[in-house]
Amino acid sequence: MPTGYTLPVFACASAIAALRHLQQQPPQNQVTVNLIKPPQLVDIDIEQVAKIGANSAIAITRSDPGDHLDLTRNTPIWAKVDFTNSAAKRITLEGGEGIGKQQGNLDQAAIYSYAQELIEENLITCLRPQENIVVTIILPEGARLAKRTSNEAFGVIEGLSLLGTTGIVQPLAAPSQLEAFQAQIKAKAASYDSLVFCLGENGIDLAQKSGIESHRIIKTANWLGSMLVTAAAAEVKSILLFGYHGKLIKLAGGIFHTHNHLADGRLEIMTAYCAQLGLSTSQLQEIFNCSTTESALMLLRKIDSTNQNNFSLVDVVYQHLTCAIDSKCQDYIYKYTERKLDVGSVLFDRSREVIMKSKNALLLLPELC
């Protein structure tokens, strides 16, 4: 299967081509990008490049994710490079049209750590002494494509994010990828007896920003059941689940493959746990009829803001949910391996704010940070 590359790689290639054109180097049909993660050099086709002023140039590539399903296939990725007199930074990275923004902080472009590292490390070697630049990444189709993603569930609006931890596309639904993830567990289990499971890039990014050691983190995608059993078989002693509450809540209902094409039940699970805690029939009906778990969370927060209780309903509900997640994971592991592992869970919302850390998670976190 031909290798596909993530959006940050094409953004970086466009920036390299634009900078070289601005430096009056001969136009090239390809540029070489060091992926860094993995440490590999790859050639990326350049579709167009042109000056748009004495100190500004723009270049265009097109996304190629390889033979994988990806809505960004063939989308144009522009990079505009401007020389600047500012000496504050040699390279300033900005998001233009089609790059998403963080809800609540519209000045913050959704360009994450790998994309920043990739662009800065590749371009710094191209800069001549005294040259400082501003790099603006533009996705002309970004706003349209974003409507078909779950970006807004994670607080990214008005466009796509430059997200990823590697330059090579990893097809999360392919059986071969499950095998690759399982191989990572076995390799890491040889060095660490406590690991962190994240379903996707948002969890990985937030876990690292929370101080968790990156070498303990494993991406699981939706195969949580298989990954838990693999970890137990590899004699891992404890696992911290770090994920979006709209995914991990499924575990509280005993659903261990979290892809919505196989099973959902998120609002049914939320309603059941709220009923167990004694919420009124009208409140339960409102929760059940919410469109997403995020909107159900917002409803619980609204109830908290209007009631006279001396406790937080959100805290109580999510304490019960995280406790159930931990318990059901431990039971699932024991059922298939007869091994007992400590499992903790950390749930965050679409604003990437942690909602709840389970009691087990609070015990495990000091070892992981």
Protein backbone atom coordinates (compact mmCIF):
# COMPACT_ATOMS: atom_id res chain seq x y z
CA MET A 1 0.00 0.00 0.00
CA PRO A 2 1.56 3.35 -1.04
CA THR A 3 2.62 5.55 1.85
CA GLY A 4 0.44 8.56 2.58
CA TYR A 5 1.48 11.68 4.47
CA THR A 6 -0.33 13.88 6.97
CA LEU A 7 -1.39 17.48 6.30
CA PRO A 8 1.55 19.03 8.21
CA VAL A 9 3.96 17.41 5.73
CA PHE A 10 2.34 19.10 2.73
CA ALA A 11 2.11 22.42 4.58
CA CYS A 12 5.83 22.16 5.31
CA ALA A 13 6.65 21.32 1.68
CA SER A 14 4.70 24.35 0.46
CA ALA A 15 6.55 26.57 2.93
CA ILE A 16 9.95 25.25 1.80
CA ALA A 17 9.08 25.87 -1.86
CA ALA A 18 7.79 29.39 -1.18
CA LEU A 19 10.89 30.31 0.82
CA ARG A 20 13.27 29.02 -1.86
CA HIS A 21 11.36 30.94 -4.53
CA LEU A 22 11.57 34.08 -2.39
CA GLN A 23 15.32 33.50 -2.16
CA GLN A 24 15.37 33.47 -5.99
CA GLN A 25 16.36 29.82 -6.24
CA PRO A 26 15.31 28.01 -9.45
CA PRO A 27 11.73 26.66 -9.30
CA GLN A 28 11.48 22.96 -8.40
CA ASN A 29 8.76 20.40 -9.04
CA GLN A 30 9.60 18.66 -5.77
CA VAL A 31 11.08 19.50 -2.38
CA THR A 32 12.53 17.17 0.23
CA VAL A 33 10.98 17.16 3.70
CA ASN A 34 12.52 15.59 6.79
CA LEU A 35 9.52 14.01 8.56
CA ILE A 36 11.43 14.00 11.89
CA LYS A 37 8.86 11.53 13.23
CA PRO A 38 9.90 9.14 11.81
CA PRO A 39 13.41 10.42 10.87
CA GLN A 40 12.92 9.99 7.15
CA LEU A 41 13.40 12.13 4.04
CA VAL A 42 10.53 12.22 1.54
CA ASP A 43 9.98 14.06 -1.74
CA ILE A 44 6.75 16.06 -2.06
CA ASP A 45 5.42 17.40 -5.38
CA ILE A 46 4.96 21.15 -5.71
CA GLU A 47 2.01 22.18 -7.86
CA GLN A 48 2.61 25.94 -8.15
CA VAL A 49 4.84 28.65 -6.74
CA ALA A 50 4.93 32.41 -7.35
CA LYS A 51 6.00 35.72 -5.86
CA ILE A 52 3.15 37.98 -4.74
CA GLY A 53 5.37 40.90 -3.79
CA ALA A 54 8.99 41.83 -3.33
CA ASN A 55 9.13 40.12 0.05
CA SER A 56 6.37 37.53 -0.27
CA ALA A 57 5.84 34.24 -2.11
CA ILE A 58 3.24 31.49 -2.11
CA ALA A 59 3.44 27.79 -3.00
CA ILE A 60 0.80 25.08 -3.35
CA THR A 61 0.83 21.32 -2.78
CA ARG A 62 -2.03 18.82 -2.70
CA SER A 63 -2.75 16.37 0.08
CA ASP A 64 -2.06 12.71 -0.70
CA PRO A 65 -2.95 10.36 2.19
CA GLY A 66 -2.09 7.26 0.13
CA ASP A 67 -4.60 4.44 -0.31
CA HIS A 68 -6.56 5.37 2.81
CA LEU A 69 -9.98 6.89 3.27
CA ASP A 70 -9.39 10.56 4.01
CA LEU A 71 -11.63 13.54 3.31
CA THR A 72 -8.60 15.80 2.72
CA ARG A 73 -7.46 13.80 -0.32
CA ASN A 74 -6.29 16.13 -3.11
CA THR A 75 -7.15 19.28 -1.14
CA PRO A 76 -4.80 22.21 -1.92
CA ILE A 77 -2.46 23.37 0.83
CA TRP A 78 -0.96 26.81 0.48
CA ALA A 79 1.92 28.35 2.34
CA LYS A 80 2.70 32.06 2.13
CA VAL A 81 6.16 33.12 3.25
CA ASP A 82 7.00 36.74 4.00
CA PHE A 83 10.35 38.25 4.90
CA THR A 84 10.01 40.32 8.06
CA ASN A 85 12.19 42.84 9.86
CA SER A 86 11.08 41.49 13.22
CA ALA A 87 13.94 39.95 15.15
CA ALA A 88 11.74 38.40 17.83
CA LYS A 89 11.69 35.00 16.11
CA ARG A 90 13.40 33.70 13.03
CA ILE A 91 10.24 31.78 12.07
CA THR A 92 6.72 32.88 13.00
CA LEU A 93 3.96 30.42 12.13
CA GLU A 94 0.39 31.60 11.54
CA GLY A 95 -2.91 30.11 10.42
CA GLY A 96 -4.71 31.65 7.46
CA GLU A 97 -8.10 30.94 5.92
CA GLY A 98 -9.31 27.38 6.41
CA ILE A 99 -7.07 26.68 9.41
CA GLY A 100 -9.28 26.13 12.43
CA LYS A 101 -9.29 28.32 15.51
CA GLN A 102 -9.66 27.37 19.16
CA GLN A 103 -13.16 28.16 20.36
CA GLY A 104 -12.90 30.77 23.09
CA ASN A 105 -9.54 31.97 21.78
CA LEU A 106 -9.94 32.91 18.14
CA ASP A 107 -6.37 34.21 18.00
CA GLN A 108 -5.08 30.66 18.56
CA ALA A 109 -4.71 28.75 15.27
CA ALA A 110 -5.21 24.98 15.44
CA ILE A 111 -1.61 24.21 14.48
CA TYR A 112 -0.29 21.67 16.94
CA SER A 113 3.14 20.68 18.20
CA TYR A 114 4.21 18.22 15.49
CA ALA A 115 3.27 20.62 12.68
CA GLN A 116 5.12 23.45 14.42
CA GLU A 117 8.21 21.33 14.98
CA LEU A 118 8.17 19.99 11.42
CA ILE A 119 7.90 23.39 9.75
CA GLU A 120 10.37 25.16 12.02
CA GLU A 121 13.07 22.47 11.85
CA ASN A 122 12.86 22.10 8.06
CA LEU A 123 12.82 25.83 7.35
CA ILE A 124 15.51 26.91 9.80
CA THR A 125 18.09 25.04 7.71
CA CYS A 126 16.94 26.95 4.61
CA LEU A 127 17.22 30.43 6.12
CA ARG A 128 20.21 32.58 5.31
CA PRO A 129 21.84 34.74 7.99
CA GLN A 130 19.70 37.77 8.91
CA GLU A 131 16.58 36.29 7.26
CA ASN A 132 13.45 36.15 9.41
CA ILE A 133 10.12 34.96 8.04
CA VAL A 134 6.41 34.71 8.73
CA VAL A 135 4.85 31.48 7.43
CA THR A 136 1.07 31.50 6.91
CA ILE A 137 -0.63 28.17 6.17
CA ILE A 138 -3.88 28.40 4.16
CA LEU A 139 -6.42 25.66 3.41
CA PRO A 140 -8.87 27.14 0.87
CA GLU A 141 -11.26 24.19 1.34
CA GLY A 142 -10.68 23.89 5.08
CA ALA A 143 -13.89 25.49 6.33
CA ARG A 144 -16.02 23.34 4.02
CA LEU A 145 -14.24 20.10 4.89
CA ALA A 146 -14.33 20.86 8.62
CA LYS A 147 -18.12 20.50 8.60
CA ARG A 148 -17.60 16.78 7.86
CA THR A 149 -15.24 16.23 10.80
CA SER A 150 -15.55 16.10 14.59
CA ASN A 151 -13.38 19.21 14.98
CA GLU A 152 -16.11 21.24 16.68
CA ALA A 153 -16.50 18.48 19.27
CA PHE A 154 -12.95 19.37 20.34
CA GLY A 155 -13.43 23.12 20.24
CA VAL A 156 -11.88 23.76 16.81
CA ILE A 157 -14.05 25.98 14.61
CA GLU A 158 -13.98 27.56 11.13
CA GLY A 159 -11.53 25.10 9.62
CA LEU A 160 -9.28 22.07 9.86
CA SER A 161 -6.49 21.55 12.34
CA LEU A 162 -2.89 20.68 11.51
CA LEU A 163 -2.87 17.78 13.92
CA GLY A 164 -0.74 14.68 14.18
CA THR A 165 2.24 13.15 15.89
CA THR A 166 3.86 11.68 12.79
CA GLY A 167 4.31 12.49 9.12
CA ILE A 168 2.95 9.16 7.90
CA VAL A 169 -0.79 8.52 7.74
CA GLN A 170 -1.93 5.79 10.10
CA PRO A 171 -5.25 4.27 8.94
CA LEU A 172 -6.95 3.73 12.30
CA ALA A 173 -9.56 1.31 10.95
CA ALA A 174 -7.17 -1.12 9.29
CA PRO A 175 -6.45 -4.47 10.99
CA SER A 176 -2.76 -3.97 10.24
CA GLN A 177 -2.86 -0.81 12.35
CA LEU A 178 -4.28 -2.73 15.29
CA GLU A 179 -1.35 -5.11 14.97
CA ALA A 180 1.03 -2.15 14.92
CA PHE A 181 -0.54 -0.68 18.06
CA GLN A 182 -0.35 -4.06 19.80
CA ALA A 183 3.32 -4.34 18.84
CA GLN A 184 3.92 -0.93 20.46
CA ILE A 185 2.35 -2.15 23.68
CA LYS A 186 4.58 -5.21 23.78
CA ALA A 187 7.67 -3.10 23.09
CA LYS A 188 6.84 -0.50 25.73
CA ALA A 189 5.85 -3.17 28.26
CA ALA A 190 9.44 -4.37 28.21
CA SER A 191 10.50 -1.04 29.74
CA TYR A 192 7.44 0.29 31.57
CA ASP A 193 4.84 -1.44 33.71
CA SER A 194 2.45 1.53 33.61
CA LEU A 195 1.10 2.85 30.29
CA VAL A 196 -1.34 5.52 29.07
CA PHE A 197 -3.96 4.73 26.43
CA CYS A 198 -5.25 7.58 24.22
CA LEU A 199 -7.85 7.00 21.52
CA GLY A 200 -6.55 9.69 19.18
CA GLU A 201 -4.41 12.75 18.61
CA ASN A 202 -6.43 15.09 20.82
CA GLY A 203 -5.92 12.80 23.79
CA ILE A 204 -2.22 12.39 23.07
CA ASP A 205 -1.71 16.14 22.75
CA LEU A 206 -3.56 16.92 25.98
CA ALA A 207 -1.91 14.08 27.88
CA GLN A 208 1.53 15.40 26.96
CA LYS A 209 0.55 18.95 27.91
CA SER A 210 -0.67 17.58 31.25
CA GLY A 211 2.85 16.38 32.00
CA ILE A 212 2.48 12.69 31.17
CA GLU A 213 5.70 11.16 29.85
CA SER A 214 5.29 10.78 26.08
CA HIS A 215 7.11 7.43 25.90
CA ARG A 216 4.39 5.84 28.05
CA ILE A 217 1.58 6.91 25.69
CA ILE A 218 -0.03 4.45 23.25
CA LYS A 219 -2.63 5.32 20.64
CA THR A 220 -5.47 2.77 20.74
CA ALA A 221 -7.98 4.18 18.24
CA ASN A 222 -11.29 2.41 18.84
CA TRP A 223 -9.85 -1.01 19.76
CA LEU A 224 -9.82 -0.52 23.51
CA GLY A 225 -10.85 -4.05 24.41
CA SER A 226 -8.11 -5.67 22.32
CA MET A 227 -5.53 -3.19 23.58
CA LEU A 228 -6.42 -3.77 27.24
CA VAL A 229 -6.10 -7.53 26.81
CA THR A 230 -2.80 -7.15 24.93
CA ALA A 231 -1.40 -5.00 27.75
CA ALA A 232 -2.42 -7.55 30.36
CA ALA A 233 -0.84 -10.38 28.37
CA ALA A 234 2.36 -8.32 28.17
CA GLU A 235 2.32 -8.13 32.00
CA VAL A 236 1.65 -4.40 32.22
CA LYS A 237 0.57 -3.65 35.79
CA SER A 238 -1.49 -0.48 35.32
CA ILE A 239 -3.18 1.50 32.55
CA LEU A 240 -4.45 5.07 32.50
CA LEU A 241 -7.20 5.80 29.97
CA PHE A 242 -6.99 9.42 28.80
CA GLY A 243 -9.76 10.42 26.43
CA TYR A 244 -12.73 12.44 25.27
CA HIS A 245 -15.76 11.74 27.45
CA GLY A 246 -17.97 11.14 24.41
CA LYS A 247 -15.85 8.10 23.58
CA LEU A 248 -14.82 6.69 26.94
CA ILE A 249 -18.38 6.84 28.32
CA LYS A 250 -19.11 3.79 26.16
CA LEU A 251 -16.87 1.71 28.43
CA ALA A 252 -19.19 2.47 31.35
CA GLY A 253 -21.84 0.58 29.37
CA GLY A 254 -19.56 -2.36 28.60
CA ILE A 255 -18.85 -1.34 24.98
CA PHE A 256 -15.18 -2.08 24.28
CA HIS A 257 -14.98 -1.20 20.59
CA THR A 258 -15.84 2.49 20.51
CA HIS A 259 -16.44 3.11 16.78
CA ASN A 260 -19.97 4.43 16.33
CA HIS A 261 -20.53 2.18 13.31
CA LEU A 262 -20.47 -0.81 15.67
CA ALA A 263 -22.15 0.52 18.80
CA ASP A 264 -23.23 3.80 20.30
CA GLY A 265 -25.45 4.05 23.37
CA ARG A 266 -23.68 7.08 24.83
CA LEU A 267 -26.79 9.02 25.80
CA GLU A 268 -28.51 5.86 26.99
CA ILE A 269 -25.53 5.20 29.29
CA MET A 270 -25.50 8.79 30.53
CA THR A 271 -29.25 8.67 31.20
CA ALA A 272 -28.97 5.37 33.06
CA TYR A 273 -26.27 6.66 35.41
CA CYS A 274 -28.18 9.90 36.01
CA ALA A 275 -31.31 7.86 36.83
CA GLN A 276 -29.30 5.80 39.31
CA LEU A 277 -28.33 9.05 41.04
CA GLY A 278 -31.98 10.15 41.37
CA LEU A 279 -32.42 12.88 38.74
CA SER A 280 -36.03 13.77 38.00
CA THR A 281 -37.95 12.24 35.13
CA SER A 282 -38.04 15.54 33.25
CA GLN A 283 -34.26 15.97 33.61
CA LEU A 284 -33.66 12.40 32.44
CA GLN A 285 -35.83 13.00 29.39
CA GLU A 286 -33.85 16.13 28.54
CA ILE A 287 -30.54 14.26 28.84
CA PHE A 288 -31.80 11.33 26.78
CA ASN A 289 -32.97 13.68 24.01
CA CYS A 290 -29.67 15.58 23.75
CA SER A 291 -27.94 15.31 20.39
CA THR A 292 -24.48 14.61 21.82
CA THR A 293 -22.77 13.76 25.10
CA GLU A 294 -21.23 17.23 24.97
CA SER A 295 -24.69 18.81 24.99
CA ALA A 296 -25.70 16.46 27.84
CA LEU A 297 -22.68 17.69 29.80
CA MET A 298 -23.70 21.29 29.13
CA LEU A 299 -27.20 20.48 30.37
CA LEU A 300 -25.80 19.06 33.62
CA ARG A 301 -23.72 22.22 34.03
CA LYS A 302 -26.85 24.33 33.45
CA ILE A 303 -28.70 22.37 36.15
CA ASP A 304 -25.75 22.94 38.49
CA SER A 305 -25.91 26.68 37.88
CA THR A 306 -29.57 26.90 38.87
CA ASN A 307 -29.93 24.44 41.77
CA GLN A 308 -29.29 25.16 45.43
CA ASN A 309 -27.35 21.99 46.20
CA ASN A 310 -23.99 22.21 47.93
CA PHE A 311 -22.49 19.71 45.48
CA SER A 312 -21.75 19.62 41.76
CA LEU A 313 -24.02 17.32 39.78
CA VAL A 314 -21.38 17.12 37.04
CA ASP A 315 -18.81 15.93 39.57
CA VAL A 316 -21.15 13.32 41.04
CA VAL A 317 -22.25 11.94 37.65
CA TYR A 318 -18.72 11.79 36.25
CA GLN A 319 -17.31 10.28 39.44
CA HIS A 320 -19.75 7.42 38.98
CA LEU A 321 -18.97 7.17 35.25
CA THR A 322 -15.19 7.04 35.75
CA CYS A 323 -15.57 4.53 38.56
CA ALA A 324 -17.68 2.34 36.26
CA ILE A 325 -15.17 2.71 33.42
CA ASP A 326 -12.31 1.58 35.66
CA SER A 327 -14.28 -1.32 37.11
CA LYS A 328 -15.63 -2.62 33.80
CA CYS A 329 -12.18 -2.44 32.19
CA GLN A 330 -10.66 -4.41 35.06
CA ASP A 331 -13.43 -7.03 34.80
CA TYR A 332 -12.98 -7.24 31.02
CA ILE A 333 -9.25 -7.80 31.38
CA TYR A 334 -9.73 -10.47 34.02
CA LYS A 335 -12.36 -12.25 31.93
CA TYR A 336 -9.95 -12.77 29.03
CA THR A 337 -6.59 -13.06 30.80
CA GLU A 338 -7.27 -13.88 34.48
CA ARG A 339 -4.93 -11.01 35.29
CA LYS A 340 -5.71 -8.10 37.60
CA LEU A 341 -4.60 -4.66 36.46
CA ASP A 342 -5.08 -1.23 37.98
CA VAL A 343 -7.07 0.89 35.51
CA GLY A 344 -7.72 4.61 35.92
CA SER A 345 -9.48 7.10 33.66
CA VAL A 346 -9.24 10.81 32.83
CA LEU A 347 -12.10 12.36 30.83
CA PHE A 348 -11.95 15.70 29.03
CA ASP A 349 -14.52 17.83 27.18
CA ARG A 350 -14.50 19.47 23.76
CA SER A 351 -12.62 22.47 25.15
CA ARG A 352 -9.84 20.08 26.17
CA GLU A 353 -10.60 20.73 29.81
CA VAL A 354 -10.43 17.75 32.15
CA ILE A 355 -13.89 16.96 33.55
CA MET A 356 -12.94 14.18 35.95
CA LYS A 357 -10.05 12.02 37.11
CA SER A 358 -11.10 8.74 38.67
CA LYS A 359 -9.80 7.74 42.09
CA ASN A 360 -7.54 5.19 40.43
CA ALA A 361 -6.26 7.83 38.00
CA LEU A 362 -5.26 10.11 40.89
CA LEU A 363 -3.18 7.25 42.28
CA LEU A 364 -1.56 6.44 38.94
CA LEU A 365 -0.77 9.96 37.67
CA PRO A 366 2.24 10.70 39.95
CA GLU A 367 4.05 7.71 38.46
CA LEU A 368 3.29 8.79 34.90
CA CYS A 369 4.25 12.47 35.06
